[in-house]
Protein backbone atom coordinates (compact mmCIF):
# COMPACT_ATOMS: atom_id res chain seq x y z
CA MET A 1 -11.70 -16.58 7.17
CA PRO A 2 -14.89 -14.91 8.44
CA TYR A 3 -15.18 -11.12 8.27
CA GLN A 4 -14.43 -10.52 11.88
CA SER A 5 -13.29 -7.44 13.78
CA VAL A 6 -10.94 -8.39 16.63
CA ASN A 7 -9.24 -5.83 18.84
CA PRO A 8 -5.54 -6.88 18.67
CA TYR A 9 -4.74 -5.16 21.98
CA SER A 10 -7.45 -6.90 24.07
CA GLY A 11 -8.23 -9.90 21.89
CA GLU A 12 -11.93 -9.03 22.09
CA VAL A 13 -14.10 -10.10 19.17
CA VAL A 14 -16.01 -6.91 18.43
CA ALA A 15 -18.15 -7.86 15.48
CA THR A 16 -18.65 -10.63 12.92
CA PHE A 17 -20.20 -10.14 9.48
CA ALA A 18 -21.78 -12.78 7.22
CA GLU A 19 -20.52 -13.35 3.71
CA ILE A 20 -22.96 -12.42 1.01
CA THR A 21 -24.92 -14.94 -1.00
CA ASP A 22 -24.48 -15.55 -4.72
CA ALA A 23 -27.81 -13.82 -5.30
CA GLU A 24 -26.65 -10.77 -3.41
CA LEU A 25 -23.41 -10.76 -5.38
CA GLU A 26 -25.32 -10.85 -8.67
CA ASP A 27 -27.48 -7.94 -7.49
CA ALA A 28 -24.38 -5.95 -6.55
CA LEU A 29 -22.75 -6.58 -9.96
CA SER A 30 -25.94 -5.58 -11.73
CA ARG A 31 -26.24 -2.35 -9.73
CA ALA A 32 -22.55 -1.53 -10.35
CA ARG A 33 -22.94 -1.96 -14.11
CA SER A 34 -26.08 0.21 -14.11
CA ALA A 35 -24.31 2.86 -12.02
CA TYR A 36 -21.41 2.92 -14.50
CA GLU A 37 -23.73 3.77 -17.41
CA GLU A 38 -24.89 6.82 -15.53
CA TRP A 39 -21.69 7.79 -13.73
CA ARG A 40 -19.53 7.75 -16.82
CA ARG A 41 -21.72 10.54 -18.28
CA ARG A 42 -21.22 12.77 -15.27
CA SER A 43 -18.87 15.74 -15.79
CA PHE A 44 -15.56 15.97 -13.99
CA ASP A 45 -17.04 18.79 -11.89
CA GLU A 46 -19.92 16.59 -10.78
CA ARG A 47 -17.59 13.74 -9.86
CA ALA A 48 -15.27 16.15 -8.11
CA ALA A 49 -18.11 17.52 -6.00
CA VAL A 50 -18.73 14.07 -4.53
CA THR A 51 -15.01 13.50 -4.08
CA ARG A 52 -14.44 16.79 -2.29
CA ARG A 53 -17.40 16.14 0.03
CA ALA A 54 -15.84 12.83 0.99
CA ALA A 55 -12.55 14.59 1.84
CA ARG A 56 -14.39 17.13 3.91
CA ILE A 57 -16.26 14.41 5.85
CA LEU A 58 -13.00 12.63 6.60
CA ARG A 59 -11.45 15.81 7.98
CA GLU A 60 -14.50 16.90 9.96
CA ARG A 61 -14.85 13.45 11.60
CA ARG A 62 -11.23 12.43 11.61
CA ASP A 63 -11.20 11.29 15.21
CA GLU A 64 -14.22 9.05 14.64
CA PHE A 65 -12.67 7.42 11.60
CA ALA A 66 -9.27 7.15 13.28
CA ARG A 67 -10.62 5.50 16.42
CA LEU A 68 -12.11 2.72 14.32
CA LEU A 69 -8.71 1.98 12.69
CA THR A 70 -7.00 1.74 16.06
CA LEU A 71 -9.67 -0.52 17.58
CA GLU A 72 -9.77 -2.81 14.57
CA MET A 73 -6.11 -3.29 13.59
CA GLY A 74 -4.06 -1.82 16.45
CA LYS A 75 -2.57 1.22 14.74
CA ARG A 76 -1.40 3.95 17.15
CA ILE A 77 -4.09 6.59 17.41
CA GLY A 78 -1.81 9.33 16.13
CA GLU A 79 -0.92 7.26 13.06
CA SER A 80 -4.60 6.52 12.51
CA VAL A 81 -5.33 10.24 12.39
CA GLU A 82 -2.46 10.68 9.92
CA GLU A 83 -3.96 7.94 7.71
CA VAL A 84 -7.36 9.58 7.71
CA LEU A 85 -5.87 12.92 6.70
CA LEU A 86 -3.68 11.30 4.03
CA SER A 87 -6.78 9.64 2.58
CA ALA A 88 -8.56 12.99 2.54
CA ASP A 89 -5.58 14.47 0.69
CA ILE A 90 -5.94 11.78 -1.96
CA PHE A 91 -9.59 12.66 -2.44
CA ASP A 92 -8.77 16.34 -2.86
CA TYR A 93 -5.76 15.69 -5.11
CA TYR A 94 -7.81 13.82 -7.72
CA ALA A 95 -10.76 16.16 -7.42
CA ASP A 96 -8.36 18.96 -8.32
CA ASN A 97 -6.30 17.22 -10.99
CA ALA A 98 -8.18 14.35 -12.64
CA GLU A 99 -9.59 16.36 -15.52
CA ASP A 100 -6.17 17.77 -16.38
CA PHE A 101 -4.53 14.35 -16.08
CA LEU A 102 -7.04 12.89 -18.57
CA LYS A 103 -7.34 15.72 -21.00
CA PRO A 104 -7.07 14.88 -24.73
CA VAL A 105 -3.56 14.65 -26.14
CA PRO A 106 -3.14 15.84 -29.75
CA ILE A 107 -0.71 13.90 -31.98
CA ASP A 108 1.32 15.53 -34.68
CA THR A 109 0.53 13.60 -37.83
CA ARG A 110 1.10 14.21 -41.53
CA LYS A 111 -2.45 13.26 -42.42
CA GLY A 112 -5.47 14.85 -40.82
CA GLU A 113 -6.02 15.49 -37.14
CA ALA A 114 -5.29 12.85 -34.47
CA VAL A 115 -5.94 12.92 -30.74
CA ILE A 116 -5.76 10.45 -27.82
CA VAL A 117 -8.75 10.59 -25.50
CA SER A 118 -9.04 8.85 -22.14
CA SER A 119 -12.31 7.11 -21.37
CA PRO A 120 -13.33 4.85 -18.47
CA LEU A 121 -13.41 1.09 -18.78
CA GLY A 122 -16.38 0.15 -16.59
CA VAL A 123 -16.65 -1.88 -13.37
CA LEU A 124 -13.33 -2.46 -11.57
CA PHE A 125 -12.65 -4.93 -8.77
CA GLY A 126 -10.13 -4.28 -6.00
CA VAL A 127 -8.74 -6.70 -3.41
CA GLN A 128 -7.21 -4.71 -0.57
CA PRO A 129 -5.15 -5.42 2.61
CA TRP A 130 -5.62 -4.61 6.27
CA ASN A 131 -2.51 -2.57 7.10
CA PHE A 132 -3.78 0.84 5.91
CA PRO A 133 -7.54 0.23 5.80
CA TYR A 134 -8.61 3.66 4.45
CA TYR A 135 -5.49 4.71 2.52
CA GLN A 136 -5.42 1.49 0.49
CA LEU A 137 -9.05 1.98 -0.50
CA ALA A 138 -8.52 5.66 -1.36
CA ARG A 139 -5.44 4.83 -3.43
CA PHE A 140 -7.47 2.42 -5.59
CA ALA A 141 -10.94 3.90 -5.59
CA VAL A 142 -10.55 7.64 -5.79
CA PRO A 143 -8.68 8.06 -9.08
CA ASN A 144 -10.77 5.41 -10.77
CA VAL A 145 -14.09 6.86 -9.63
CA MET A 146 -12.91 10.26 -10.86
CA THR A 147 -12.27 8.77 -14.32
CA GLY A 148 -15.90 7.62 -14.56
CA ASN A 149 -15.25 4.01 -13.61
CA VAL A 150 -17.10 2.36 -10.73
CA VAL A 151 -15.42 0.13 -8.20
CA MET A 152 -16.19 -2.95 -6.17
CA VAL A 153 -13.93 -3.88 -3.28
CA LYS A 154 -13.15 -6.98 -1.27
CA HIS A 155 -11.38 -5.67 1.80
CA ALA A 156 -9.32 -7.78 4.22
CA SER A 157 -11.46 -10.02 6.43
CA SER A 158 -9.90 -8.53 9.58
CA VAL A 159 -11.06 -4.91 8.98
CA PRO A 160 -14.78 -5.24 8.09
CA ARG A 161 -15.90 -2.18 10.06
CA SER A 162 -13.33 -0.02 8.30
CA ALA A 163 -14.57 -1.43 5.00
CA LEU A 164 -18.17 -0.49 5.82
CA ALA A 165 -17.13 2.95 7.02
CA PHE A 166 -15.51 3.70 3.64
CA ASP A 167 -18.62 2.41 1.82
CA ASP A 168 -20.78 4.69 3.96
CA LEU A 169 -18.38 7.59 3.30
CA TYR A 170 -19.07 7.45 -0.47
CA ARG A 171 -22.80 7.22 0.11
CA GLU A 172 -22.77 10.15 2.51
CA ALA A 173 -20.74 12.17 0.05
CA GLY A 174 -23.49 11.72 -2.54
CA ALA A 175 -22.17 8.97 -4.80
CA PRO A 176 -25.02 7.16 -6.59
CA ASP A 177 -25.75 3.60 -5.51
CA GLY A 178 -23.28 1.22 -7.15
CA VAL A 179 -20.46 3.69 -7.74
CA TYR A 180 -18.61 2.24 -4.73
CA THR A 181 -19.53 -1.19 -3.41
CA ASN A 182 -18.02 -3.10 -0.52
CA LEU A 183 -18.26 -6.87 -0.89
CA PHE A 184 -18.06 -9.41 1.93
CA VAL A 185 -17.29 -12.25 -0.50
CA THR A 186 -15.87 -15.74 -0.16
CA LYS A 187 -12.73 -16.88 -1.96
CA GLU A 188 -14.89 -18.72 -4.47
CA GLN A 189 -16.93 -15.56 -5.07
CA VAL A 190 -13.76 -13.57 -5.69
CA GLY A 191 -13.14 -15.85 -8.65
CA LYS A 192 -16.68 -15.27 -9.88
CA VAL A 193 -16.26 -11.48 -9.72
CA ILE A 194 -13.03 -11.65 -11.69
CA ASP A 195 -14.58 -13.93 -14.31
CA ASP A 196 -17.70 -11.82 -14.73
CA PRO A 197 -17.77 -10.09 -18.14
CA ARG A 198 -19.13 -6.89 -16.52
CA VAL A 199 -15.80 -6.56 -14.63
CA MET A 200 -13.16 -4.91 -16.78
CA GLY A 201 -10.09 -4.73 -14.54
CA VAL A 202 -8.65 -5.98 -11.26
CA ALA A 203 -6.27 -4.38 -8.75
CA LEU A 204 -4.70 -6.16 -5.82
CA THR A 205 -2.50 -5.05 -2.97
CA GLY A 206 -1.38 -8.05 -0.93
CA SER A 207 0.95 -11.03 -0.86
CA GLU A 208 2.92 -12.53 -3.71
CA GLN A 209 0.81 -15.67 -3.49
CA ALA A 210 -2.43 -13.72 -3.75
CA GLY A 211 -1.02 -11.64 -6.60
CA SER A 212 -0.16 -14.78 -8.58
CA VAL A 213 -3.61 -16.26 -8.09
CA ILE A 214 -5.44 -13.03 -8.99
CA ALA A 215 -3.31 -12.26 -12.02
CA THR A 216 -3.66 -15.81 -13.34
CA ARG A 217 -7.41 -15.77 -12.94
CA ALA A 218 -7.73 -12.34 -14.59
CA GLY A 219 -5.40 -13.37 -17.38
CA LYS A 220 -7.69 -16.20 -18.43
CA THR A 221 -10.32 -13.65 -19.38
CA ILE A 222 -7.83 -11.12 -20.77
CA LYS A 223 -8.36 -8.46 -18.08
CA LYS A 224 -5.97 -5.69 -17.11
CA THR A 225 -4.46 -6.05 -13.62
CA THR A 226 -2.29 -4.04 -11.30
CA LEU A 227 -0.41 -5.69 -8.44
CA GLU A 228 1.27 -4.09 -5.44
CA LEU A 229 2.83 -6.93 -3.49
CA GLY A 230 5.52 -7.32 -0.85
CA GLY A 231 8.72 -5.52 -0.30
CA SER A 232 12.05 -5.82 1.51
CA ASP A 233 13.21 -2.23 1.26
CA PRO A 234 16.89 -1.54 1.86
CA LEU A 235 18.29 1.50 3.65
CA ILE A 236 21.87 2.28 2.56
CA ALA A 237 23.85 4.64 4.81
CA MET A 238 27.13 6.00 3.50
CA PRO A 239 30.02 7.12 5.75
CA ASP A 240 29.15 10.80 5.35
CA ALA A 241 25.53 10.35 6.47
CA ASP A 242 24.46 12.57 9.34
CA LEU A 243 24.09 9.85 11.96
CA GLY A 244 21.50 11.52 14.21
CA PRO A 245 18.80 12.07 11.54
CA THR A 246 19.75 8.81 9.83
CA VAL A 247 19.02 6.79 12.98
CA HIS A 248 15.82 8.77 13.63
CA TRP A 249 14.50 7.98 10.17
CA ALA A 250 15.76 4.40 10.35
CA VAL A 251 13.65 3.78 13.48
CA TRP A 252 10.67 5.50 11.84
CA GLY A 253 11.14 3.56 8.63
CA ARG A 254 11.24 0.24 10.43
CA LEU A 255 8.51 0.85 13.02
CA ASN A 256 5.95 3.13 11.45
CA ASN A 257 2.64 1.20 11.58
CA CYS A 258 4.51 -1.28 13.80
CA GLY A 259 6.59 -2.22 10.76
CA GLN A 260 3.51 -3.50 8.93
CA SER A 261 4.04 -1.74 5.63
CA CYS A 262 5.14 -2.94 2.23
CA VAL A 263 7.55 0.00 2.08
CA ALA A 264 8.80 -0.24 5.62
CA THR A 265 12.60 -0.26 5.84
CA LYS A 266 13.46 -3.91 6.39
CA ARG A 267 17.17 -4.29 5.59
CA PHE A 268 19.80 -1.90 6.93
CA LEU A 269 22.97 -1.81 4.83
CA ILE A 270 25.33 0.39 6.80
CA HIS A 271 28.85 1.28 5.70
CA GLU A 272 31.41 -0.35 8.03
CA GLN A 273 32.89 3.04 8.97
CA ILE A 274 29.68 3.96 10.80
CA ALA A 275 28.09 0.53 11.27
CA ASP A 276 28.94 0.05 14.96
CA LYS A 277 27.86 3.52 15.95
CA PHE A 278 24.68 3.29 13.93
CA LEU A 279 23.75 -0.07 15.48
CA GLU A 280 24.43 1.25 18.98
CA GLU A 281 22.24 4.35 18.49
CA PHE A 282 19.55 2.44 16.57
CA THR A 283 19.34 -0.12 19.42
CA ALA A 284 19.16 2.63 22.03
CA ALA A 285 16.36 4.42 20.20
CA ILE A 286 14.28 1.26 19.86
CA SER A 287 14.92 0.45 23.54
CA GLY A 288 13.11 3.66 24.44
CA LEU A 289 9.85 2.62 22.83
CA VAL A 290 6.85 2.19 25.10
CA ALA A 291 4.60 -0.79 24.41
CA GLY A 292 0.95 -0.51 25.34
CA ASP A 293 -2.57 0.48 24.39
CA PRO A 294 -2.58 2.03 20.91
CA MET A 295 -5.37 4.35 22.02
CA ASP A 296 -2.97 5.89 24.56
CA GLU A 297 -0.96 8.66 22.88
CA ARG A 298 2.01 7.81 25.12
CA THR A 299 2.33 4.40 23.44
CA THR A 300 5.04 4.21 20.82
CA LEU A 301 5.01 0.46 20.21
CA PRO A 302 1.52 -0.92 19.55
CA PRO A 303 0.48 -4.55 19.06
CA MET A 304 0.53 -6.07 15.59
CA SER A 305 -2.70 -6.30 13.69
CA SER A 306 -3.55 -9.81 14.81
CA GLN A 307 -2.22 -12.68 16.85
CA SER A 308 -1.72 -14.73 13.71
CA ALA A 309 0.46 -11.95 12.23
CA ALA A 310 2.53 -11.86 15.42
CA ASP A 311 2.90 -15.62 15.52
CA LYS A 312 4.08 -15.73 11.87
CA LEU A 313 6.77 -13.09 12.51
CA LYS A 314 7.99 -14.90 15.63
CA ALA A 315 8.24 -18.11 13.61
CA GLN A 316 10.33 -16.30 10.96
CA VAL A 317 12.75 -15.07 13.64
CA ALA A 318 13.02 -18.60 15.12
CA GLU A 319 13.76 -20.05 11.68
CA ALA A 320 16.40 -17.38 11.04
CA VAL A 321 18.15 -18.30 14.30
CA GLU A 322 17.99 -22.00 13.46
CA HIS A 323 19.94 -21.21 10.31
CA GLY A 324 22.70 -19.25 12.04
CA ALA A 325 21.41 -15.73 12.47
CA ARG A 326 21.76 -13.85 15.77
CA ALA A 327 18.54 -12.35 17.13
CA THR A 328 18.91 -9.55 19.65
CA GLU A 329 15.70 -8.57 21.42
CA VAL A 330 15.59 -4.89 22.22
CA GLY A 331 13.89 -2.90 24.94
CA PRO A 332 11.84 -3.90 27.97
CA PRO A 333 9.64 -6.98 27.65
CA VAL A 334 6.41 -6.32 25.73
CA PRO A 335 3.02 -7.19 27.32
CA GLU A 336 2.16 -10.90 27.38
CA THR A 337 -1.41 -10.21 26.40
CA GLY A 338 -2.26 -8.73 23.01
CA ALA A 339 -0.59 -9.29 19.65
CA PHE A 340 2.78 -7.84 20.65
CA VAL A 341 6.17 -8.82 19.22
CA GLN A 342 9.43 -7.92 20.96
CA PRO A 343 11.51 -5.57 18.73
CA THR A 344 14.33 -7.66 17.37
CA ILE A 345 17.51 -7.03 15.35
CA LEU A 346 18.82 -9.82 13.19
CA THR A 347 22.56 -9.91 12.42
CA ASP A 348 24.84 -12.53 10.83
CA VAL A 349 22.15 -13.31 8.25
CA SER A 350 23.84 -15.37 5.56
CA ARG A 351 22.61 -15.57 2.01
CA ASP A 352 21.46 -19.15 2.51
CA ASN A 353 19.32 -18.30 5.49
CA PRO A 354 15.63 -18.52 4.56
CA VAL A 355 14.90 -15.11 6.12
CA TYR A 356 17.39 -13.43 3.77
CA GLY A 357 14.86 -13.50 0.96
CA GLN A 358 11.72 -13.04 3.06
CA GLU A 359 9.64 -10.01 3.91
CA LEU A 360 9.54 -9.29 7.68
CA PHE A 361 6.23 -7.61 8.34
CA GLY A 362 6.62 -6.21 11.85
CA PRO A 363 9.19 -4.85 14.35
CA VAL A 364 12.15 -6.99 13.21
CA ALA A 365 15.11 -5.54 11.30
CA MET A 366 17.94 -7.19 9.37
CA PHE A 367 21.31 -5.46 9.79
CA PHE A 368 24.33 -5.74 7.51
CA SER A 369 27.71 -4.03 7.79
CA VAL A 370 29.02 -3.39 4.25
CA ARG A 371 32.53 -2.64 3.00
CA ASP A 372 31.55 -0.11 0.33
CA GLU A 373 28.66 1.09 -1.82
CA ASP A 374 29.17 -1.71 -4.33
CA GLU A 375 28.53 -4.33 -1.66
CA ALA A 376 25.58 -2.33 -0.33
CA ILE A 377 24.03 -2.18 -3.81
CA ALA A 378 24.73 -5.85 -4.46
CA ILE A 379 22.88 -6.83 -1.25
CA ALA A 380 20.12 -4.32 -1.90
CA ASN A 381 19.45 -5.85 -5.30
CA ASP A 382 19.90 -9.46 -4.17
CA THR A 383 16.19 -9.97 -3.55
CA GLY A 384 13.11 -10.98 -5.45
CA PHE A 385 11.43 -7.80 -4.31
CA GLY A 386 11.77 -4.36 -5.86
CA LEU A 387 9.40 -1.93 -4.20
CA GLY A 388 11.25 0.92 -2.46
CA GLY A 389 14.58 1.88 -0.96
CA ALA A 390 16.48 4.66 0.75
CA VAL A 391 19.95 6.19 0.57
CA PHE A 392 21.41 8.37 3.34
CA THR A 393 24.34 10.56 2.46
CA ALA A 394 25.46 14.17 2.70
CA ASP A 395 26.41 14.10 -0.97
CA ILE A 396 23.03 14.36 -2.72
CA GLU A 397 24.41 13.93 -6.22
CA HIS A 398 26.20 10.80 -5.12
CA GLY A 399 22.99 9.63 -3.50
CA LYS A 400 21.19 10.03 -6.84
CA GLU A 401 23.86 7.91 -8.52
CA ILE A 402 23.33 5.16 -5.95
CA ALA A 403 19.54 5.46 -6.36
CA HIS A 404 19.86 4.83 -10.08
CA ARG A 405 21.65 1.54 -9.36
CA ILE A 406 18.99 0.21 -6.97
CA GLU A 407 16.47 -2.12 -8.66
CA SER A 408 13.14 -0.89 -7.36
CA GLY A 409 10.13 1.21 -8.25
CA MET A 410 10.95 3.97 -5.76
CA VAL A 411 14.08 5.33 -4.04
CA PHE A 412 14.15 8.13 -1.51
CA ILE A 413 17.27 10.06 -0.50
CA ASN A 414 17.67 10.93 3.20
CA HIS A 415 14.19 9.62 4.00
CA PRO A 416 12.60 6.14 4.10
CA THR A 417 10.29 5.21 1.28
CA TRP A 418 6.91 6.83 1.88
CA THR A 419 3.84 8.03 0.05
CA ALA A 420 1.99 11.19 -0.96
CA PRO A 421 -0.88 11.72 -3.43
CA GLU A 422 1.39 13.27 -6.06
CA LEU A 423 4.07 10.51 -5.88
CA PRO A 424 3.67 7.38 -8.04
CA PHE A 425 3.65 4.20 -5.94
CA GLY A 426 4.62 0.74 -7.20
CA GLY A 427 7.43 -1.70 -7.81
CA ILE A 428 9.11 -4.24 -10.03
CA LYS A 429 10.06 -7.92 -9.81
CA ARG A 430 8.00 -9.83 -7.23
CA SER A 431 6.77 -6.55 -5.81
CA GLY A 432 4.30 -6.35 -8.68
CA TYR A 433 3.53 -4.02 -11.57
CA GLY A 434 1.52 -0.92 -12.34
CA ARG A 435 1.43 2.34 -10.44
CA GLU A 436 -1.00 3.96 -8.08
CA LEU A 437 -1.27 7.64 -7.06
CA SER A 438 0.08 10.66 -9.02
CA TRP A 439 -0.80 11.25 -12.66
CA LEU A 440 0.43 7.74 -13.44
CA GLY A 441 -2.05 6.02 -11.15
CA ILE A 442 -5.10 7.45 -12.84
CA GLN A 443 -3.93 6.15 -16.22
CA GLU A 444 -3.99 2.45 -15.35
CA PHE A 445 -7.68 1.68 -15.98
CA VAL A 446 -8.65 3.99 -18.84
CA ASN A 447 -9.01 3.38 -22.54
CA LYS A 448 -6.43 5.43 -24.41
CA LYS A 449 -8.45 5.78 -27.60
CA LEU A 450 -7.12 7.19 -30.81
CA ILE A 451 -9.49 9.38 -32.82
CA ASP A 452 -8.05 10.23 -36.18
CA VAL A 453 -9.80 12.50 -38.69
CA VAL A 454 -8.31 11.84 -42.13
CA PRO A 455 -9.24 13.93 -45.24
CA LEU A 456 -11.20 11.94 -47.83
CA ASP A 457 -8.70 12.88 -50.48
CA ALA A 458 -5.64 11.78 -48.44
CA ALA A 459 -3.18 9.60 -50.23
CA PRO A 460 -2.86 6.00 -48.92
């Protein structure tokens, strides 16, 4: 695909960007390696100064950055502002905490004096998705730049202007040339970057298929990878759940970012004692959404990020119906122009239905009425994914017990899965491996080096 910015609300092609040449790629790799040799020697305070300036720029010009997100991938303007501020929070979080997270760790040993030190690896390569164009970049780049690594990024082809804006952000904040590099590369060039001996690690957020390809390619040259892939997060609601807030968060969990989130709530596993009432109120709440221009603050249902994304989701719903599911379209008809998808609730989804094991990336929910918590947990775990999950109950301790039984990287109680700088983010099974954010995220691409001072007269 070309690097092309298309407004998903109007269908207007706003800008197209050429892919770089092999010579330009070689120059970028050379500059990144040179930048690493200098950047790694900078103190944490010097790196933090650049990082804090970037956070300040994002906050001071939040409306400018947010507007670009909305025009490029259709995110509601209020959500775009929230993403800009969340990204700024990530910058500040690592500026404040990176040095402490990476401080030397002494080891109690019988002989001599041992310590684990954390040192950067070098040039890292990130392949990032379109659904949170700044947040995804911040999640990968900020902690790694604070360690003394430098990063090169291939962003999604549908958000090239957001990619350039983030590149410019680092430059304006004072990062030396090569510390952060945006790459408009071809698929073939992605392979060249991964193979290059100057590149020491690879991080991908994207599809299972892309994760398999990237990890296989990196594995051939023995390079560390982290993968954050798809999800099909369950929301389990027990009979004692407070129905009003539960429905509110269920709608938010399914439709935040128009449902285009790896950790969006996608499967609703509701105890049969409250299932009918939940479905009634859930349907009513979605029916009140207003589809329209994402730049208009009155809009509560924006278009999807692209027409191709909308078409794929519609095809998944059609396939589910062909295999026996019932699809109930909710709310007034969405506009015919733009990448809109009618909110839909799927019921009667049997285990042999293809959609049962798929990720639904958009405003479509799967609903299951369950007899008890054992059935809820069985369905929750009956998936190849293992990213997030949620449990709603008035009994918090019981909620924790249920959370322990859910096979995923994250479980929230009385809130859908979400993110914050201090919370580790990642999954298991086909949702990938490794963690981003928190103190765990900054540990992924560092050398944990043992330095052991042993007395010359120590016994063997």
